[in-house]
């Protein structure tokens, strides 16, 4: 097996371990696109694991994310990155330690776009760490969800454009990511409160957050209408359908949907396409 084929296989293994939800739709993409999206997702997941780290000090998270952002803005220096994370190696997951590999996996024609989006995300996360994730207004929530999820939508749009010249609406791309993130916020609300974090604006209740998620997911559905590639359409529709079903389940007091429901939703979408 060639070095690049081995790296791709390892990337898919890490992807499956870090996000089963993302692993389902990525399999609808054709090989080059699958490799590109996997590498892009893993780059963003690498920094996300730093932001979410339960035991790392805020100052350390801020320093790491700011430094990573700078490293991503130039030719990626593998040695510099390894030296940066070395003191924290024992507490960081594989996906973070191998950021350099995920960049190598990405096709050279689009890798700069992926690095740029990941650098902006790292900067935004560092900013919100300093603010201690204190979301006071809807504008704050929009800002936070832009950095941690809207940028994923932007990056995917860049990849679709590169792949087959698919044009998509940028604002709808941001809403696509934002809607999925809002569902995660609703799902993890109790867990977040336990660690002293609330992503809910001061004058909101849970109903407002449900509405925020629904509105953004509706724009996410509009985003998909601009896409004519079946694989890309399926890739986008699966997480949207799962998010909408999760919202409905949470409305009636369930925490999430079952594995069987997930399989059924995916099968229904396949039959429609």
C-alpha atoms as a PDB file:
ATOM      1  CA  UNK A   1       0.000   0.000   0.000  1.00  0.00           C
ATOM      2  CA  UNK A   2       1.342   3.447  -0.952  1.00  0.00           C
ATOM      3  CA  UNK A   3       2.103   6.016   1.733  1.00  0.00           C
ATOM      4  CA  UNK A   4      -0.805   8.253   0.668  1.00  0.00           C
ATOM      5  CA  UNK A   5      -3.259   5.315   0.574  1.00  0.00           C
ATOM      6  CA  UNK A   6      -2.150   4.295   4.067  1.00  0.00           C
ATOM      7  CA  UNK A   7      -2.556   7.866   5.329  1.00  0.00           C
ATOM      8  CA  UNK A   8      -6.042   8.018   3.854  1.00  0.00           C
ATOM      9  CA  UNK A   9      -7.013   4.752   5.533  1.00  0.00           C
ATOM     10  CA  UNK A  10      -5.691   6.008   8.869  1.00  0.00           C
ATOM     11  CA  UNK A  11      -7.583   9.274   8.393  1.00  0.00           C
ATOM     12  CA  UNK A  12     -10.858   7.387   7.851  1.00  0.00           C
ATOM     13  CA  UNK A  13     -10.175   5.302  10.979  1.00  0.00           C
ATOM     14  CA  UNK A  14      -9.584   8.429  13.077  1.00  0.00           C
ATOM     15  CA  UNK A  15     -12.671  10.037  11.543  1.00  0.00           C
ATOM     16  CA  UNK A  16     -14.806   7.061  12.536  1.00  0.00           C
ATOM     17  CA  UNK A  17     -13.459   7.218  16.099  1.00  0.00           C
ATOM     18  CA  UNK A  18     -13.984  10.981  16.478  1.00  0.00           C
ATOM     19  CA  UNK A  19     -17.368  11.411  14.771  1.00  0.00           C
ATOM     20  CA  UNK A  20     -19.671   8.567  13.844  1.00  0.00           C
ATOM     21  CA  UNK A  21     -22.283  11.104  12.675  1.00  0.00           C
ATOM     22  CA  UNK A  22     -19.885  12.680  10.190  1.00  0.00           C
ATOM     23  CA  UNK A  23     -18.596   9.288   9.074  1.00  0.00           C
ATOM     24  CA  UNK A  24     -22.019   8.296   7.668  1.00  0.00           C
ATOM     25  CA  UNK A  25     -22.510  11.098   5.088  1.00  0.00           C
ATOM     26  CA  UNK A  26     -18.864  11.281   4.013  1.00  0.00           C
ATOM     27  CA  UNK A  27     -19.221   7.851   2.439  1.00  0.00           C
ATOM     28  CA  UNK A  28     -21.601   9.284  -0.177  1.00  0.00           C
ATOM     29  CA  UNK A  29     -18.792  11.399  -1.658  1.00  0.00           C
ATOM     30  CA  UNK A  30     -16.674  10.210  -4.567  1.00  0.00           C
ATOM     31  CA  UNK A  31     -13.044   9.274  -3.670  1.00  0.00           C
ATOM     32  CA  UNK A  32     -11.197  12.592  -4.223  1.00  0.00           C
ATOM     33  CA  UNK A  33     -13.919  14.574  -2.506  1.00  0.00           C
ATOM     34  CA  UNK A  34     -14.120  12.057   0.321  1.00  0.00           C
ATOM     35  CA  UNK A  35     -10.378  12.383   0.960  1.00  0.00           C
ATOM     36  CA  UNK A  36     -10.545  16.199   0.811  1.00  0.00           C
ATOM     37  CA  UNK A  37     -13.534  16.555   3.134  1.00  0.00           C
ATOM     38  CA  UNK A  38     -12.067  13.999   5.570  1.00  0.00           C
ATOM     39  CA  UNK A  39      -8.796  15.928   5.741  1.00  0.00           C
ATOM     40  CA  UNK A  40     -10.632  19.267   6.173  1.00  0.00           C
ATOM     41  CA  UNK A  41     -12.896  17.894   8.904  1.00  0.00           C
ATOM     42  CA  UNK A  42      -9.960  16.354  10.778  1.00  0.00           C
ATOM     43  CA  UNK A  43      -8.030  19.658  10.665  1.00  0.00           C
ATOM     44  CA  UNK A  44     -10.964  21.420  12.313  1.00  0.00           C
ATOM     45  CA  UNK A  45     -11.562  18.564  14.734  1.00  0.00           C
ATOM     46  CA  UNK A  46      -7.891  18.749  15.763  1.00  0.00           C
ATOM     47  CA  UNK A  47      -8.325  22.292  17.088  1.00  0.00           C
ATOM     48  CA  UNK A  48     -11.839  21.643  18.402  1.00  0.00           C
ATOM     49  CA  UNK A  49     -10.382  19.024  20.760  1.00  0.00           C
ATOM     50  CA  UNK A  50      -8.163  21.736  22.270  1.00  0.00           C
ATOM     51  CA  UNK A  51     -11.094  24.142  22.780  1.00  0.00           C
ATOM     52  CA  UNK A  52     -13.177  21.375  24.394  1.00  0.00           C
ATOM     53  CA  UNK A  53     -10.388  19.861  26.480  1.00  0.00           C
ATOM     54  CA  UNK A  54     -11.819  19.219  29.973  1.00  0.00           C
ATOM     55  CA  UNK A  55      -8.526  19.459  31.918  1.00  0.00           C
ATOM     56  CA  UNK A  56      -6.482  22.047  30.047  1.00  0.00           C
ATOM     57  CA  UNK A  57      -6.130  25.564  31.490  1.00  0.00           C
ATOM     58  CA  UNK A  58      -7.758  28.412  29.567  1.00  0.00           C
ATOM     59  CA  UNK A  59      -4.390  30.203  29.140  1.00  0.00           C
ATOM     60  CA  UNK A  60      -2.872  27.043  27.621  1.00  0.00           C
ATOM     61  CA  UNK A  61      -5.806  26.600  25.230  1.00  0.00           C
ATOM     62  CA  UNK A  62      -5.538  30.239  24.171  1.00  0.00           C
ATOM     63  CA  UNK A  63      -1.783  30.033  23.620  1.00  0.00           C
ATOM     64  CA  UNK A  64      -2.022  26.763  21.644  1.00  0.00           C
ATOM     65  CA  UNK A  65      -4.898  27.911  19.407  1.00  0.00           C
ATOM     66  CA  UNK A  66      -3.300  31.310  18.682  1.00  0.00           C
ATOM     67  CA  UNK A  67       0.029  29.642  17.824  1.00  0.00           C
ATOM     68  CA  UNK A  68      -1.654  27.015  15.624  1.00  0.00           C
ATOM     69  CA  UNK A  69      -3.514  29.770  13.777  1.00  0.00           C
ATOM     70  CA  UNK A  70      -0.162  31.472  13.009  1.00  0.00           C
ATOM     71  CA  UNK A  71       1.433  28.184  11.869  1.00  0.00           C
ATOM     72  CA  UNK A  72      -1.523  27.582   9.506  1.00  0.00           C
ATOM     73  CA  UNK A  73      -1.127  31.008   7.877  1.00  0.00           C
ATOM     74  CA  UNK A  74       2.217  30.077   6.303  1.00  0.00           C
ATOM     75  CA  UNK A  75       3.742  26.906   4.867  1.00  0.00           C
ATOM     76  CA  UNK A  76       2.877  24.392   7.578  1.00  0.00           C
ATOM     77  CA  UNK A  77       5.996  23.712   9.641  1.00  0.00           C
ATOM     78  CA  UNK A  78       5.656  20.146  10.966  1.00  0.00           C
ATOM     79  CA  UNK A  79       8.605  20.479  13.354  1.00  0.00           C
ATOM     80  CA  UNK A  80       7.303  23.730  14.794  1.00  0.00           C
ATOM     81  CA  UNK A  81       3.887  22.163  15.364  1.00  0.00           C
ATOM     82  CA  UNK A  82       5.366  19.085  17.035  1.00  0.00           C
ATOM     83  CA  UNK A  83       7.466  21.304  19.326  1.00  0.00           C
ATOM     84  CA  UNK A  84       4.400  23.389  20.185  1.00  0.00           C
ATOM     85  CA  UNK A  85       2.259  20.448  21.317  1.00  0.00           C
ATOM     86  CA  UNK A  86       5.086  18.346  22.837  1.00  0.00           C
ATOM     87  CA  UNK A  87       4.494  19.537  26.459  1.00  0.00           C
ATOM     88  CA  UNK A  88       0.815  18.459  26.186  1.00  0.00           C
ATOM     89  CA  UNK A  89       1.291  15.333  24.094  1.00  0.00           C
ATOM     90  CA  UNK A  90       0.082  12.930  26.781  1.00  0.00           C
ATOM     91  CA  UNK A  91      -3.247  14.685  27.182  1.00  0.00           C
ATOM     92  CA  UNK A  92      -4.030  15.408  23.511  1.00  0.00           C
ATOM     93  CA  UNK A  93      -5.965  12.987  21.282  1.00  0.00           C
ATOM     94  CA  UNK A  94      -4.498  11.456  18.116  1.00  0.00           C
ATOM     95  CA  UNK A  95      -6.590  13.698  15.866  1.00  0.00           C
ATOM     96  CA  UNK A  96      -4.848  16.790  17.322  1.00  0.00           C
ATOM     97  CA  UNK A  97      -1.354  15.303  17.373  1.00  0.00           C
ATOM     98  CA  UNK A  98      -1.610  14.432  13.676  1.00  0.00           C
ATOM     99  CA  UNK A  99      -2.783  17.801  12.325  1.00  0.00           C
ATOM    100  CA  UNK A 100       0.246  17.879   9.995  1.00  0.00           C
ATOM    101  CA  UNK A 101      -0.825  14.558   8.455  1.00  0.00           C
ATOM    102  CA  UNK A 102      -4.353  15.809   7.722  1.00  0.00           C
ATOM    103  CA  UNK A 103      -2.855  18.799   5.898  1.00  0.00           C
ATOM    104  CA  UNK A 104      -0.633  16.451   3.849  1.00  0.00           C
ATOM    105  CA  UNK A 105      -3.700  14.402   2.913  1.00  0.00           C
ATOM    106  CA  UNK A 106      -5.512  17.418   1.450  1.00  0.00           C
ATOM    107  CA  UNK A 107      -5.075  17.967  -2.338  1.00  0.00           C
ATOM    108  CA  UNK A 108      -2.562  20.806  -2.917  1.00  0.00           C
ATOM    109  CA  UNK A 109      -5.017  22.815  -5.079  1.00  0.00           C
ATOM    110  CA  UNK A 110      -7.424  23.318  -2.158  1.00  0.00           C
ATOM    111  CA  UNK A 111      -5.232  22.917   0.938  1.00  0.00           C
ATOM    112  CA  UNK A 112      -4.718  26.691   1.372  1.00  0.00           C
ATOM    113  CA  UNK A 113      -8.499  27.209   1.660  1.00  0.00           C
ATOM    114  CA  UNK A 114      -8.694  24.496   4.320  1.00  0.00           C
ATOM    115  CA  UNK A 115      -5.753  25.975   6.250  1.00  0.00           C
ATOM    116  CA  UNK A 116      -7.251  29.476   6.025  1.00  0.00           C
ATOM    117  CA  UNK A 117     -10.653  28.411   7.414  1.00  0.00           C
ATOM    118  CA  UNK A 118      -9.002  26.372  10.181  1.00  0.00           C
ATOM    119  CA  UNK A 119      -6.741  29.316  11.107  1.00  0.00           C
ATOM    120  CA  UNK A 120      -9.749  31.677  11.372  1.00  0.00           C
ATOM    121  CA  UNK A 121     -11.573  29.064  13.466  1.00  0.00           C
ATOM    122  CA  UNK A 122      -8.608  28.673  15.852  1.00  0.00           C
ATOM    123  CA  UNK A 123      -8.432  32.469  16.280  1.00  0.00           C
ATOM    124  CA  UNK A 124     -12.168  32.694  16.951  1.00  0.00           C
ATOM    125  CA  UNK A 125     -12.039  29.857  19.482  1.00  0.00           C
ATOM    126  CA  UNK A 126      -9.119  31.553  21.263  1.00  0.00           C
ATOM    127  CA  UNK A 127     -11.160  34.773  21.424  1.00  0.00           C
ATOM    128  CA  UNK A 128     -14.110  32.994  23.050  1.00  0.00           C
ATOM    129  CA  UNK A 129     -11.843  31.215  25.541  1.00  0.00           C
ATOM    130  CA  UNK A 130     -10.710  34.666  26.782  1.00  0.00           C
ATOM    131  CA  UNK A 131     -14.387  35.669  27.053  1.00  0.00           C
ATOM    132  CA  UNK A 132     -14.981  32.468  29.045  1.00  0.00           C
ATOM    133  CA  UNK A 133     -17.733  31.591  26.530  1.00  0.00           C
ATOM    134  CA  UNK A 134     -20.017  34.245  28.059  1.00  0.00           C
ATOM    135  CA  UNK A 135     -22.841  34.498  25.538  1.00  0.00           C
ATOM    136  CA  UNK A 136     -24.997  37.501  26.450  1.00  0.00           C
ATOM    137  CA  UNK A 137     -26.857  38.326  23.214  1.00  0.00           C
ATOM    138  CA  UNK A 138     -28.023  36.688  19.979  1.00  0.00           C
ATOM    139  CA  UNK A 139     -25.106  38.499  18.287  1.00  0.00           C
ATOM    140  CA  UNK A 140     -22.717  36.735  20.654  1.00  0.00           C
ATOM    141  CA  UNK A 141     -24.321  33.391  19.841  1.00  0.00           C
ATOM    142  CA  UNK A 142     -24.099  34.125  16.103  1.00  0.00           C
ATOM    143  CA  UNK A 143     -20.433  35.055  16.492  1.00  0.00           C
ATOM    144  CA  UNK A 144     -19.546  31.951  18.497  1.00  0.00           C
ATOM    145  CA  UNK A 145     -21.465  29.557  16.219  1.00  0.00           C
ATOM    146  CA  UNK A 146     -19.874  31.197  13.161  1.00  0.00           C
ATOM    147  CA  UNK A 147     -16.388  30.359  14.406  1.00  0.00           C
ATOM    148  CA  UNK A 148     -17.060  26.816  15.603  1.00  0.00           C
ATOM    149  CA  UNK A 149     -19.501  25.687  12.879  1.00  0.00           C
ATOM    150  CA  UNK A 150     -20.381  28.320  10.282  1.00  0.00           C
ATOM    151  CA  UNK A 151     -16.784  28.196   9.086  1.00  0.00           C
ATOM    152  CA  UNK A 152     -17.230  24.470   8.401  1.00  0.00           C
ATOM    153  CA  UNK A 153     -20.021  25.430   5.980  1.00  0.00           C
ATOM    154  CA  UNK A 154     -17.777  28.054   4.327  1.00  0.00           C
ATOM    155  CA  UNK A 155     -14.940  25.582   3.968  1.00  0.00           C
ATOM    156  CA  UNK A 156     -17.235  22.949   2.451  1.00  0.00           C
ATOM    157  CA  UNK A 157     -18.507  25.541  -0.053  1.00  0.00           C
ATOM    158  CA  UNK A 158     -14.898  26.262  -1.057  1.00  0.00           C
ATOM    159  CA  UNK A 159     -14.347  22.521  -1.564  1.00  0.00           C
ATOM    160  CA  UNK A 160     -17.527  22.102  -3.706  1.00  0.00           C
ATOM    161  CA  UNK A 161     -16.467  25.098  -5.841  1.00  0.00           C
ATOM    162  CA  UNK A 162     -12.982  23.627  -6.320  1.00  0.00           C
ATOM    163  CA  UNK A 163     -14.326  20.153  -7.091  1.00  0.00           C
ATOM    164  CA  UNK A 164     -16.901  20.800  -9.827  1.00  0.00           C
ATOM    165  CA  UNK A 165     -17.558  24.555  -9.789  1.00  0.00           C
ATOM    166  CA  UNK A 166     -20.662  24.188  -7.608  1.00  0.00           C
ATOM    167  CA  UNK A 167     -21.750  27.661  -6.480  1.00  0.00           C
ATOM    168  CA  UNK A 168     -23.471  27.985  -3.098  1.00  0.00           C
ATOM    169  CA  UNK A 169     -24.760  30.853  -0.985  1.00  0.00           C
ATOM    170  CA  UNK A 170     -22.225  31.806   1.718  1.00  0.00           C
ATOM    171  CA  UNK A 171     -24.791  32.980   4.291  1.00  0.00           C
ATOM    172  CA  UNK A 172     -26.775  29.755   3.868  1.00  0.00           C
ATOM    173  CA  UNK A 173     -23.529  27.780   4.200  1.00  0.00           C
ATOM    174  CA  UNK A 174     -22.907  29.489   7.546  1.00  0.00           C
ATOM    175  CA  UNK A 175     -26.509  28.781   8.640  1.00  0.00           C
ATOM    176  CA  UNK A 176     -26.039  25.117   7.668  1.00  0.00           C
ATOM    177  CA  UNK A 177     -23.158  24.792  10.162  1.00  0.00           C
ATOM    178  CA  UNK A 178     -24.861  27.026  12.708  1.00  0.00           C
ATOM    179  CA  UNK A 179     -28.055  24.944  12.724  1.00  0.00           C
ATOM    180  CA  UNK A 180     -26.152  21.715  13.380  1.00  0.00           C
ATOM    181  CA  UNK A 181     -24.209  23.433  16.185  1.00  0.00           C
ATOM    182  CA  UNK A 182     -27.406  24.787  17.768  1.00  0.00           C
ATOM    183  CA  UNK A 183     -28.760  21.226  18.008  1.00  0.00           C
ATOM    184  CA  UNK A 184     -25.519  20.168  19.740  1.00  0.00           C
ATOM    185  CA  UNK A 185     -25.864  23.083  22.171  1.00  0.00           C
ATOM    186  CA  UNK A 186     -29.415  21.984  23.037  1.00  0.00           C
ATOM    187  CA  UNK A 187     -28.282  18.382  23.465  1.00  0.00           C
ATOM    188  CA  UNK A 188     -25.340  19.253  25.711  1.00  0.00           C
ATOM    189  CA  UNK A 189     -27.004  22.021  27.722  1.00  0.00           C
ATOM    190  CA  UNK A 190     -27.015  20.201  31.092  1.00  0.00           C
ATOM    191  CA  UNK A 191     -23.459  18.926  30.578  1.00  0.00           C
ATOM    192  CA  UNK A 192     -22.242  22.445  29.716  1.00  0.00           C
ATOM    193  CA  UNK A 193     -23.979  23.956  32.753  1.00  0.00           C
ATOM    194  CA  UNK A 194     -22.197  21.432  34.974  1.00  0.00           C
ATOM    195  CA  UNK A 195     -18.862  22.876  33.829  1.00  0.00           C
ATOM    196  CA  UNK A 196     -20.206  26.404  34.284  1.00  0.00           C
ATOM    197  CA  UNK A 197     -20.815  27.274  30.611  1.00  0.00           C
ATOM    198  CA  UNK A 198     -24.070  28.391  28.996  1.00  0.00           C
ATOM    199  CA  UNK A 199     -24.383  29.151  25.303  1.00  0.00           C
ATOM    200  CA  UNK A 200     -27.830  30.676  25.790  1.00  0.00           C
ATOM    201  CA  UNK A 201     -28.210  34.470  25.502  1.00  0.00           C
ATOM    202  CA  UNK A 202     -29.243  36.192  28.763  1.00  0.00           C
ATOM    203  CA  UNK A 203     -32.884  36.880  27.904  1.00  0.00           C
ATOM    204  CA  UNK A 204     -33.522  33.543  26.135  1.00  0.00           C
ATOM    205  CA  UNK A 205     -35.090  30.298  27.288  1.00  0.00           C
ATOM    206  CA  UNK A 206     -34.831  26.842  25.761  1.00  0.00           C
ATOM    207  CA  UNK A 207     -37.719  27.615  23.374  1.00  0.00           C
ATOM    208  CA  UNK A 208     -35.737  30.497  21.854  1.00  0.00           C
ATOM    209  CA  UNK A 209     -32.815  28.158  21.302  1.00  0.00           C
ATOM    210  CA  UNK A 210     -35.109  25.633  19.590  1.00  0.00           C
ATOM    211  CA  UNK A 211     -36.362  28.391  17.293  1.00  0.00           C
ATOM    212  CA  UNK A 212     -32.775  29.506  16.540  1.00  0.00           C
ATOM    213  CA  UNK A 213     -31.870  25.928  15.584  1.00  0.00           C
ATOM    214  CA  UNK A 214     -34.983  25.507  13.396  1.00  0.00           C
ATOM    215  CA  UNK A 215     -34.440  28.781  11.544  1.00  0.00           C
ATOM    216  CA  UNK A 216     -30.822  27.974  10.762  1.00  0.00           C
ATOM    217  CA  UNK A 217     -31.615  24.387   9.729  1.00  0.00           C
ATOM    218  CA  UNK A 218     -34.310  25.757   7.372  1.00  0.00           C
ATOM    219  CA  UNK A 219     -31.639  27.956   5.734  1.00  0.00           C
ATOM    220  CA  UNK A 220     -29.415  24.861   5.647  1.00  0.00           C
ATOM    221  CA  UNK A 221     -32.114  23.086   3.620  1.00  0.00           C
ATOM    222  CA  UNK A 222     -32.133  26.059   1.232  1.00  0.00           C
ATOM    223  CA  UNK A 223     -28.338  25.809   0.941  1.00  0.00           C
ATOM    224  CA  UNK A 224     -28.602  22.245  -0.375  1.00  0.00           C
ATOM    225  CA  UNK A 225     -31.023  23.290  -3.158  1.00  0.00           C
ATOM    226  CA  UNK A 226     -28.129  25.023  -4.999  1.00  0.00           C
ATOM    227  CA  UNK A 227     -26.254  21.709  -5.270  1.00  0.00           C
ATOM    228  CA  UNK A 228     -26.682  19.350  -8.248  1.00  0.00           C
ATOM    229  CA  UNK A 229     -24.082  16.720  -7.351  1.00  0.00           C
ATOM    230  CA  UNK A 230     -25.855  13.670  -5.823  1.00  0.00           C
ATOM    231  CA  UNK A 231     -22.982  12.746  -3.496  1.00  0.00           C
ATOM    232  CA  UNK A 232     -22.652  16.291  -2.148  1.00  0.00           C
ATOM    233  CA  UNK A 233     -26.436  16.602  -1.795  1.00  0.00           C
ATOM    234  CA  UNK A 234     -26.576  13.391   0.247  1.00  0.00           C
ATOM    235  CA  UNK A 235     -23.564  14.477   2.287  1.00  0.00           C
ATOM    236  CA  UNK A 236     -25.430  17.673   3.305  1.00  0.00           C
ATOM    237  CA  UNK A 237     -28.923  16.215   3.623  1.00  0.00           C
ATOM    238  CA  UNK A 238     -28.012  13.410   6.035  1.00  0.00           C
ATOM    239  CA  UNK A 239     -26.783  15.627   8.934  1.00  0.00           C
ATOM    240  CA  UNK A 240     -29.666  18.079   8.343  1.00  0.00           C
ATOM    241  CA  UNK A 241     -32.239  15.274   8.527  1.00  0.00           C
ATOM    242  CA  UNK A 242     -30.581  13.812  11.636  1.00  0.00           C
ATOM    243  CA  UNK A 243     -30.493  17.263  13.288  1.00  0.00           C
ATOM    244  CA  UNK A 244     -34.187  17.909  12.529  1.00  0.00           C
ATOM    245  CA  UNK A 245     -35.145  14.489  13.917  1.00  0.00           C
ATOM    246  CA  UNK A 246     -33.030  15.103  17.033  1.00  0.00           C
ATOM    247  CA  UNK A 247     -34.837  18.429  17.572  1.00  0.00           C
ATOM    248  CA  UNK A 248     -38.209  16.660  17.385  1.00  0.00           C
ATOM    249  CA  UNK A 249     -37.022  13.976  19.804  1.00  0.00           C
ATOM    250  CA  UNK A 250     -35.738  16.574  22.307  1.00  0.00           C
ATOM    251  CA  UNK A 251     -39.067  18.434  22.079  1.00  0.00           C
ATOM    252  CA  UNK A 252     -40.772  15.389  23.587  1.00  0.00           C
ATOM    253  CA  UNK A 253     -38.100  14.918  26.220  1.00  0.00           C
ATOM    254  CA  UNK A 254     -35.777  12.386  24.573  1.00  0.00           C
ATOM    255  CA  UNK A 255     -32.053  13.058  24.609  1.00  0.00           C
ATOM    256  CA  UNK A 256     -31.276  11.807  21.111  1.00  0.00           C
ATOM    257  CA  UNK A 257     -32.448   9.511  18.319  1.00  0.00           C
ATOM    258  CA  UNK A 258     -31.589   5.807  18.256  1.00  0.00           C
ATOM    259  CA  UNK A 259     -29.086   4.101  15.958  1.00  0.00           C
ATOM    260  CA  UNK A 260     -32.059   2.367  14.284  1.00  0.00           C
ATOM    261  CA  UNK A 261     -33.737   5.725  13.597  1.00  0.00           C
ATOM    262  CA  UNK A 262     -30.469   7.033  12.117  1.00  0.00           C
ATOM    263  CA  UNK A 263     -30.269   4.046   9.747  1.00  0.00           C
ATOM    264  CA  UNK A 264     -33.905   4.506   8.745  1.00  0.00           C
ATOM    265  CA  UNK A 265     -33.438   8.247   8.001  1.00  0.00           C
ATOM    266  CA  UNK A 266     -30.354   7.544   5.849  1.00  0.00           C
ATOM    267  CA  UNK A 267     -32.145   4.731   3.969  1.00  0.00           C
ATOM    268  CA  UNK A 268     -35.141   7.025   3.265  1.00  0.00           C
ATOM    269  CA  UNK A 269     -32.881   9.729   1.862  1.00  0.00           C
ATOM    270  CA  UNK A 270     -31.074   7.191  -0.344  1.00  0.00           C
ATOM    271  CA  UNK A 271     -34.413   6.039  -1.765  1.00  0.00           C
ATOM    272  CA  UNK A 272     -35.390   9.623  -2.561  1.00  0.00           C
ATOM    273  CA  UNK A 273     -32.149  10.132  -4.519  1.00  0.00           C
END
